[in-house]
Amino acid sequence: MSAKIIWTKHARQRLSDRRMHTSMIESAINSPDYIRQGKTPGSTEYIKRNGSQTITAITKPNDKGELVVISTWVDPPYAGTKDARSKDLYLKREKGRLLGKDLLGYGAPDSGTLISINKPSCARFVARS
C-alpha cells in the first residue's frame, strides 16, 4: 500500500487508550493477514496477527486518495487498559451467567430486569420487588 495515512482524532485517542503505536497499525495496513469490508459503507478492516495478538485498523479512503484511519484495537487488549478491564468484566459476567450465579452483585440473570445505562456494554440487572 502506498497511499498516505491520515489519522482521525478518534484513532489517535484509541492508540493512546490502548497503548498502541502507529507502527503497529501501519504494519497491519501495509502487510495485512486479512482484509475485509468494514461495517460502515466504504470502510475496510485491515487485520494483522502479531504473535498471540490480533491488530485491527478500520480505514476509509478520502476524496484525495489518502487512507483515513478511523479506529484501531488489539486483541487481547494490553493489561491495565480500559479494554482489558471491560473484557475481564464481560468474561466474569458470562461465567456467572453460565453458572447461574451473581458474580458482580447485580443479581443472577434470571432474578431481575436488564437495565441498559447509555451503552450496551454498561448494563446491569435490577432485582424484582
N, C-alpha and C. Protein backbone atom coordinates (compact mmCIF):
# COMPACT_ATOMS: atom_id res chain seq x y z
N MET A 1 0.85 -1.17 0.00
CA MET A 1 0.00 0.00 0.00
C MET A 1 0.89 1.23 0.00
N SER A 2 0.57 2.18 -0.86
CA SER A 2 1.40 3.38 -0.94
C SER A 2 0.63 4.66 -0.65
N ALA A 3 -0.64 4.54 -0.29
CA ALA A 3 -1.45 5.72 0.00
C ALA A 3 -0.98 6.36 1.30
N LYS A 4 -1.08 7.67 1.36
CA LYS A 4 -0.74 8.39 2.57
C LYS A 4 -1.76 8.06 3.66
N ILE A 5 -1.29 7.89 4.88
CA ILE A 5 -2.18 7.55 6.00
C ILE A 5 -2.48 8.81 6.82
N ILE A 6 -3.77 9.06 7.03
CA ILE A 6 -4.26 10.18 7.82
C ILE A 6 -4.92 9.59 9.07
N TRP A 7 -4.67 10.23 10.22
CA TRP A 7 -5.21 9.74 11.49
C TRP A 7 -6.31 10.68 12.00
N THR A 8 -7.48 10.13 12.30
CA THR A 8 -8.52 10.94 12.92
C THR A 8 -8.18 11.13 14.41
N LYS A 9 -8.81 12.12 15.02
CA LYS A 9 -8.60 12.34 16.47
C LYS A 9 -9.04 11.09 17.24
N HIS A 10 -10.13 10.49 16.81
CA HIS A 10 -10.63 9.28 17.46
C HIS A 10 -9.58 8.16 17.40
N ALA A 11 -9.00 7.97 16.21
CA ALA A 11 -7.99 6.91 16.05
C ALA A 11 -6.77 7.18 16.93
N ARG A 12 -6.32 8.41 16.97
CA ARG A 12 -5.17 8.76 17.84
C ARG A 12 -5.50 8.53 19.31
N GLN A 13 -6.72 8.87 19.71
CA GLN A 13 -7.13 8.64 21.09
C GLN A 13 -7.16 7.14 21.40
N ARG A 14 -7.67 6.35 20.46
CA ARG A 14 -7.71 4.90 20.66
C ARG A 14 -6.30 4.32 20.76
N LEU A 15 -5.39 4.82 19.95
CA LEU A 15 -3.99 4.37 20.04
C LEU A 15 -3.46 4.62 21.45
N SER A 16 -3.69 5.80 21.96
CA SER A 16 -3.23 6.17 23.29
C SER A 16 -3.91 5.33 24.37
N ASP A 17 -5.24 5.25 24.32
CA ASP A 17 -6.01 4.48 25.31
C ASP A 17 -5.60 3.02 25.34
N ARG A 18 -5.27 2.49 24.18
CA ARG A 18 -5.00 1.06 24.05
C ARG A 18 -3.50 0.73 24.06
N ARG A 19 -2.70 1.76 24.35
CA ARG A 19 -1.23 1.61 24.45
C ARG A 19 -0.63 0.99 23.18
N MET A 20 -1.09 1.51 22.06
CA MET A 20 -0.61 1.03 20.76
C MET A 20 0.25 2.11 20.12
N HIS A 21 1.09 1.70 19.18
CA HIS A 21 1.94 2.63 18.45
C HIS A 21 1.50 2.67 16.99
N THR A 22 1.69 3.81 16.35
CA THR A 22 1.29 3.95 14.94
C THR A 22 1.95 2.91 14.06
N SER A 23 3.16 2.48 14.40
CA SER A 23 3.85 1.48 13.56
C SER A 23 3.10 0.15 13.53
N MET A 24 2.38 -0.17 14.62
CA MET A 24 1.58 -1.40 14.65
C MET A 24 0.47 -1.34 13.60
N ILE A 25 -0.16 -0.18 13.51
CA ILE A 25 -1.26 0.00 12.57
C ILE A 25 -0.74 0.08 11.14
N GLU A 26 0.36 0.81 10.96
CA GLU A 26 0.96 0.89 9.62
C GLU A 26 1.36 -0.49 9.12
N SER A 27 1.86 -1.34 10.00
CA SER A 27 2.20 -2.71 9.63
C SER A 27 0.96 -3.50 9.23
N ALA A 28 -0.13 -3.32 9.98
CA ALA A 28 -1.38 -4.01 9.66
C ALA A 28 -1.93 -3.56 8.30
N ILE A 29 -1.79 -2.27 8.00
CA ILE A 29 -2.29 -1.74 6.73
C ILE A 29 -1.38 -2.15 5.57
N ASN A 30 -0.07 -2.06 5.76
CA ASN A 30 0.88 -2.34 4.67
C ASN A 30 1.11 -3.82 4.40
N SER A 31 0.94 -4.67 5.40
CA SER A 31 1.10 -6.12 5.18
C SER A 31 0.10 -6.89 6.03
N PRO A 32 -1.19 -6.75 5.69
CA PRO A 32 -2.23 -7.41 6.49
C PRO A 32 -2.26 -8.92 6.23
N ASP A 33 -2.74 -9.65 7.23
CA ASP A 33 -3.01 -11.08 7.04
C ASP A 33 -4.38 -11.27 6.43
N TYR A 34 -5.29 -10.36 6.76
CA TYR A 34 -6.66 -10.40 6.23
C TYR A 34 -7.11 -8.98 5.94
N ILE A 35 -7.94 -8.87 4.91
CA ILE A 35 -8.61 -7.60 4.61
C ILE A 35 -10.07 -7.95 4.38
N ARG A 36 -10.95 -7.18 5.01
CA ARG A 36 -12.38 -7.41 4.77
C ARG A 36 -13.12 -6.08 4.79
N GLN A 37 -14.30 -6.10 4.21
CA GLN A 37 -15.13 -4.90 4.17
C GLN A 37 -15.55 -4.54 5.59
N GLY A 38 -15.48 -3.26 5.91
CA GLY A 38 -15.89 -2.80 7.23
C GLY A 38 -17.40 -2.77 7.37
N LYS A 39 -17.84 -2.49 8.57
CA LYS A 39 -19.28 -2.46 8.84
C LYS A 39 -19.95 -1.22 8.24
N THR A 40 -19.21 -0.10 8.14
CA THR A 40 -19.75 1.11 7.53
C THR A 40 -19.46 1.07 6.03
N PRO A 41 -20.37 1.54 5.22
CA PRO A 41 -20.13 1.54 3.78
C PRO A 41 -18.84 2.27 3.40
N GLY A 42 -18.03 1.64 2.57
CA GLY A 42 -16.79 2.23 2.10
C GLY A 42 -15.59 2.02 3.02
N SER A 43 -15.83 1.44 4.20
CA SER A 43 -14.71 1.24 5.13
C SER A 43 -14.09 -0.15 4.92
N THR A 44 -12.84 -0.27 5.35
CA THR A 44 -12.10 -1.52 5.22
C THR A 44 -11.43 -1.85 6.54
N GLU A 45 -11.43 -3.13 6.90
CA GLU A 45 -10.73 -3.61 8.09
C GLU A 45 -9.46 -4.31 7.65
N TYR A 46 -8.33 -3.85 8.18
CA TYR A 46 -7.04 -4.49 7.95
C TYR A 46 -6.69 -5.23 9.24
N ILE A 47 -6.44 -6.51 9.12
CA ILE A 47 -6.19 -7.35 10.30
C ILE A 47 -4.83 -8.02 10.18
N LYS A 48 -4.05 -7.90 11.24
CA LYS A 48 -2.68 -8.44 11.25
C LYS A 48 -2.48 -9.25 12.53
N ARG A 49 -2.01 -10.49 12.38
CA ARG A 49 -1.64 -11.30 13.53
C ARG A 49 -0.21 -10.96 13.91
N ASN A 50 0.02 -10.75 15.20
CA ASN A 50 1.36 -10.45 15.71
C ASN A 50 1.57 -11.32 16.95
N GLY A 51 2.09 -12.52 16.75
CA GLY A 51 2.21 -13.47 17.85
C GLY A 51 0.83 -13.88 18.31
N SER A 52 0.53 -13.67 19.59
CA SER A 52 -0.78 -14.04 20.13
C SER A 52 -1.80 -12.91 20.00
N GLN A 53 -1.39 -11.79 19.43
CA GLN A 53 -2.29 -10.65 19.30
C GLN A 53 -2.81 -10.49 17.87
N THR A 54 -3.99 -9.91 17.80
CA THR A 54 -4.58 -9.52 16.52
C THR A 54 -4.76 -8.02 16.54
N ILE A 55 -4.16 -7.35 15.56
CA ILE A 55 -4.23 -5.89 15.45
C ILE A 55 -5.21 -5.57 14.32
N THR A 56 -6.15 -4.68 14.59
CA THR A 56 -7.15 -4.31 13.60
C THR A 56 -7.14 -2.80 13.40
N ALA A 57 -7.20 -2.39 12.13
CA ALA A 57 -7.31 -0.98 11.76
C ALA A 57 -8.52 -0.82 10.86
N ILE A 58 -9.38 0.13 11.19
CA ILE A 58 -10.54 0.44 10.36
C ILE A 58 -10.21 1.71 9.60
N THR A 59 -10.31 1.63 8.28
CA THR A 59 -9.95 2.77 7.43
C THR A 59 -11.04 3.08 6.42
N LYS A 60 -10.93 4.27 5.87
CA LYS A 60 -11.83 4.68 4.79
C LYS A 60 -11.06 5.68 3.92
N PRO A 61 -11.09 5.53 2.61
CA PRO A 61 -10.37 6.49 1.75
C PRO A 61 -11.11 7.82 1.70
N ASN A 62 -10.31 8.90 1.60
CA ASN A 62 -10.95 10.21 1.43
C ASN A 62 -10.91 10.58 -0.05
N ASP A 63 -11.42 11.75 -0.41
CA ASP A 63 -11.50 12.16 -1.82
C ASP A 63 -10.14 12.48 -2.42
N LYS A 64 -9.08 12.60 -1.61
CA LYS A 64 -7.73 12.85 -2.12
C LYS A 64 -6.95 11.56 -2.34
N GLY A 65 -7.59 10.40 -2.08
CA GLY A 65 -6.92 9.13 -2.24
C GLY A 65 -6.08 8.73 -1.03
N GLU A 66 -6.21 9.49 0.05
CA GLU A 66 -5.48 9.17 1.28
C GLU A 66 -6.30 8.16 2.09
N LEU A 67 -5.62 7.36 2.88
CA LEU A 67 -6.28 6.37 3.71
C LEU A 67 -6.48 6.95 5.10
N VAL A 68 -7.73 7.11 5.53
CA VAL A 68 -8.04 7.70 6.83
C VAL A 68 -8.28 6.57 7.83
N VAL A 69 -7.46 6.55 8.89
CA VAL A 69 -7.63 5.56 9.95
C VAL A 69 -8.70 6.08 10.88
N ILE A 70 -9.79 5.31 11.01
CA ILE A 70 -10.94 5.70 11.81
C ILE A 70 -10.83 5.18 13.23
N SER A 71 -10.42 3.92 13.37
CA SER A 71 -10.29 3.34 14.70
C SER A 71 -9.30 2.18 14.66
N THR A 72 -8.84 1.79 15.83
CA THR A 72 -7.86 0.69 15.95
C THR A 72 -8.09 -0.05 17.25
N TRP A 73 -7.69 -1.31 17.28
CA TRP A 73 -7.68 -2.05 18.54
C TRP A 73 -6.76 -3.26 18.43
N VAL A 74 -6.46 -3.82 19.58
CA VAL A 74 -5.63 -5.01 19.67
C VAL A 74 -6.35 -6.01 20.56
N ASP A 75 -6.32 -7.28 20.16
CA ASP A 75 -6.96 -8.33 20.94
C ASP A 75 -5.99 -9.49 21.11
N PRO A 76 -5.72 -9.95 22.30
CA PRO A 76 -6.27 -9.45 23.55
C PRO A 76 -5.70 -8.08 23.89
N PRO A 77 -6.47 -7.29 24.61
CA PRO A 77 -6.00 -5.94 24.96
C PRO A 77 -4.85 -6.00 25.97
N TYR A 78 -4.05 -4.95 25.97
CA TYR A 78 -2.95 -4.86 26.93
C TYR A 78 -3.50 -4.72 28.34
N ALA A 79 -2.85 -5.38 29.29
CA ALA A 79 -3.26 -5.33 30.70
C ALA A 79 -3.25 -3.88 31.19
N GLY A 80 -4.23 -3.56 32.02
CA GLY A 80 -4.31 -2.23 32.60
C GLY A 80 -5.07 -1.22 31.77
N THR A 81 -5.44 -1.58 30.54
CA THR A 81 -6.20 -0.65 29.71
C THR A 81 -7.70 -0.80 30.00
N LYS A 82 -8.46 0.19 29.59
CA LYS A 82 -9.91 0.15 29.76
C LYS A 82 -10.49 -1.07 29.02
N ASP A 83 -9.94 -1.36 27.84
CA ASP A 83 -10.41 -2.52 27.07
C ASP A 83 -10.19 -3.81 27.84
N ALA A 84 -9.04 -3.94 28.51
CA ALA A 84 -8.74 -5.15 29.29
C ALA A 84 -9.72 -5.28 30.46
N ARG A 85 -9.99 -4.16 31.13
CA ARG A 85 -10.93 -4.19 32.26
C ARG A 85 -12.34 -4.55 31.77
N SER A 86 -12.74 -3.99 30.63
CA SER A 86 -14.06 -4.30 30.07
C SER A 86 -14.17 -5.77 29.69
N LYS A 87 -13.09 -6.30 29.10
CA LYS A 87 -13.10 -7.71 28.69
C LYS A 87 -13.17 -8.62 29.92
N ASP A 88 -12.41 -8.28 30.97
CA ASP A 88 -12.44 -9.06 32.21
C ASP A 88 -13.84 -9.06 32.82
N LEU A 89 -14.47 -7.89 32.84
CA LEU A 89 -15.81 -7.77 33.39
C LEU A 89 -16.81 -8.59 32.57
N TYR A 90 -16.68 -8.52 31.25
CA TYR A 90 -17.55 -9.29 30.36
C TYR A 90 -17.39 -10.79 30.62
N LEU A 91 -16.14 -11.25 30.72
CA LEU A 91 -15.89 -12.67 30.95
C LEU A 91 -16.43 -13.12 32.31
N LYS A 92 -16.31 -12.27 33.31
CA LYS A 92 -16.84 -12.59 34.63
C LYS A 92 -18.36 -12.67 34.59
N ARG A 93 -18.99 -11.73 33.88
CA ARG A 93 -20.45 -11.76 33.72
C ARG A 93 -20.90 -13.04 33.03
N GLU A 94 -20.21 -13.38 31.95
CA GLU A 94 -20.57 -14.59 31.20
C GLU A 94 -20.40 -15.84 32.05
N LYS A 95 -19.32 -15.90 32.81
CA LYS A 95 -19.09 -17.06 33.69
C LYS A 95 -20.24 -17.16 34.69
N GLY A 96 -20.63 -16.04 35.28
CA GLY A 96 -21.74 -16.04 36.22
C GLY A 96 -23.04 -16.44 35.57
N ARG A 97 -23.26 -15.94 34.36
CA ARG A 97 -24.48 -16.30 33.64
C ARG A 97 -24.54 -17.78 33.39
N LEU A 98 -23.42 -18.36 32.94
CA LEU A 98 -23.38 -19.79 32.65
C LEU A 98 -23.54 -20.63 33.92
N LEU A 99 -23.03 -20.13 35.03
CA LEU A 99 -23.13 -20.85 36.30
C LEU A 99 -24.41 -20.53 37.05
N GLY A 100 -25.16 -19.50 36.58
CA GLY A 100 -26.38 -19.08 37.24
C GLY A 100 -26.10 -18.39 38.56
N LYS A 101 -24.94 -17.75 38.66
CA LYS A 101 -24.56 -17.10 39.91
C LYS A 101 -24.41 -15.60 39.73
N ASP A 102 -24.47 -14.90 40.85
CA ASP A 102 -24.28 -13.45 40.88
C ASP A 102 -22.82 -13.17 41.24
N LEU A 103 -21.96 -13.01 40.24
CA LEU A 103 -20.55 -12.76 40.48
C LEU A 103 -20.24 -11.28 40.57
N LEU A 104 -21.18 -10.42 40.18
CA LEU A 104 -20.92 -8.98 40.15
C LEU A 104 -21.79 -8.19 41.12
N GLY A 105 -22.66 -8.87 41.84
CA GLY A 105 -23.50 -8.17 42.81
C GLY A 105 -24.75 -7.53 42.22
N TYR A 106 -25.15 -7.91 41.02
CA TYR A 106 -26.33 -7.33 40.38
C TYR A 106 -27.50 -8.29 40.36
N GLY A 107 -27.39 -9.43 40.99
CA GLY A 107 -28.45 -10.42 40.94
C GLY A 107 -28.21 -11.40 39.81
N ALA A 108 -28.65 -12.61 39.99
CA ALA A 108 -28.50 -13.62 38.96
C ALA A 108 -29.32 -13.20 37.75
N PRO A 109 -28.88 -13.57 36.54
CA PRO A 109 -29.56 -13.12 35.32
C PRO A 109 -31.06 -13.40 35.28
N ASP A 110 -31.53 -14.47 35.93
CA ASP A 110 -32.95 -14.77 35.86
C ASP A 110 -33.74 -14.17 37.02
N SER A 111 -33.10 -13.33 37.86
CA SER A 111 -33.79 -12.80 39.02
C SER A 111 -34.15 -11.33 38.90
N GLY A 112 -34.04 -10.76 37.72
CA GLY A 112 -34.35 -9.34 37.61
C GLY A 112 -34.54 -8.90 36.19
N THR A 113 -34.52 -7.61 36.02
CA THR A 113 -34.72 -6.99 34.73
C THR A 113 -33.43 -6.34 34.28
N LEU A 114 -33.09 -6.50 33.03
CA LEU A 114 -31.88 -5.89 32.48
C LEU A 114 -32.13 -4.40 32.24
N ILE A 115 -31.28 -3.57 32.81
CA ILE A 115 -31.37 -2.13 32.64
C ILE A 115 -30.15 -1.69 31.85
N SER A 116 -30.34 -1.01 30.74
CA SER A 116 -29.23 -0.51 29.94
C SER A 116 -28.91 0.91 30.37
N ILE A 117 -27.62 1.18 30.59
CA ILE A 117 -27.19 2.51 31.01
C ILE A 117 -26.35 3.13 29.89
N ASN A 118 -26.95 3.86 29.00
CA ASN A 118 -26.32 4.58 27.89
C ASN A 118 -25.68 3.68 26.84
N LYS A 119 -24.94 2.67 27.24
CA LYS A 119 -24.24 1.82 26.28
C LYS A 119 -24.60 0.37 26.55
N PRO A 120 -24.66 -0.46 25.51
CA PRO A 120 -24.95 -1.88 25.71
C PRO A 120 -23.94 -2.55 26.64
N SER A 121 -22.69 -2.07 26.64
CA SER A 121 -21.66 -2.70 27.47
C SER A 121 -21.80 -2.30 28.93
N CYS A 122 -22.66 -1.33 29.23
CA CYS A 122 -22.85 -0.85 30.61
C CYS A 122 -24.23 -1.25 31.08
N ALA A 123 -24.49 -2.51 31.14
CA ALA A 123 -25.81 -2.99 31.53
C ALA A 123 -25.73 -3.62 32.92
N ARG A 124 -26.84 -3.59 33.64
CA ARG A 124 -26.88 -4.23 34.95
C ARG A 124 -28.27 -4.82 35.18
N PHE A 125 -28.35 -5.73 36.11
CA PHE A 125 -29.64 -6.33 36.44
C PHE A 125 -30.16 -5.69 37.72
N VAL A 126 -31.46 -5.45 37.75
CA VAL A 126 -32.12 -4.91 38.93
C VAL A 126 -33.06 -5.97 39.47
N ALA A 127 -32.94 -6.25 40.76
CA ALA A 127 -33.78 -7.29 41.37
C ALA A 127 -35.24 -6.87 41.32
N ARG A 128 -36.11 -7.86 41.13
CA ARG A 128 -37.55 -7.59 41.12
C ARG A 128 -38.04 -7.39 42.56
N SER A 129 -39.06 -6.56 42.70
CA SER A 129 -39.63 -6.30 44.03
C SER A 129 -40.57 -7.41 44.43
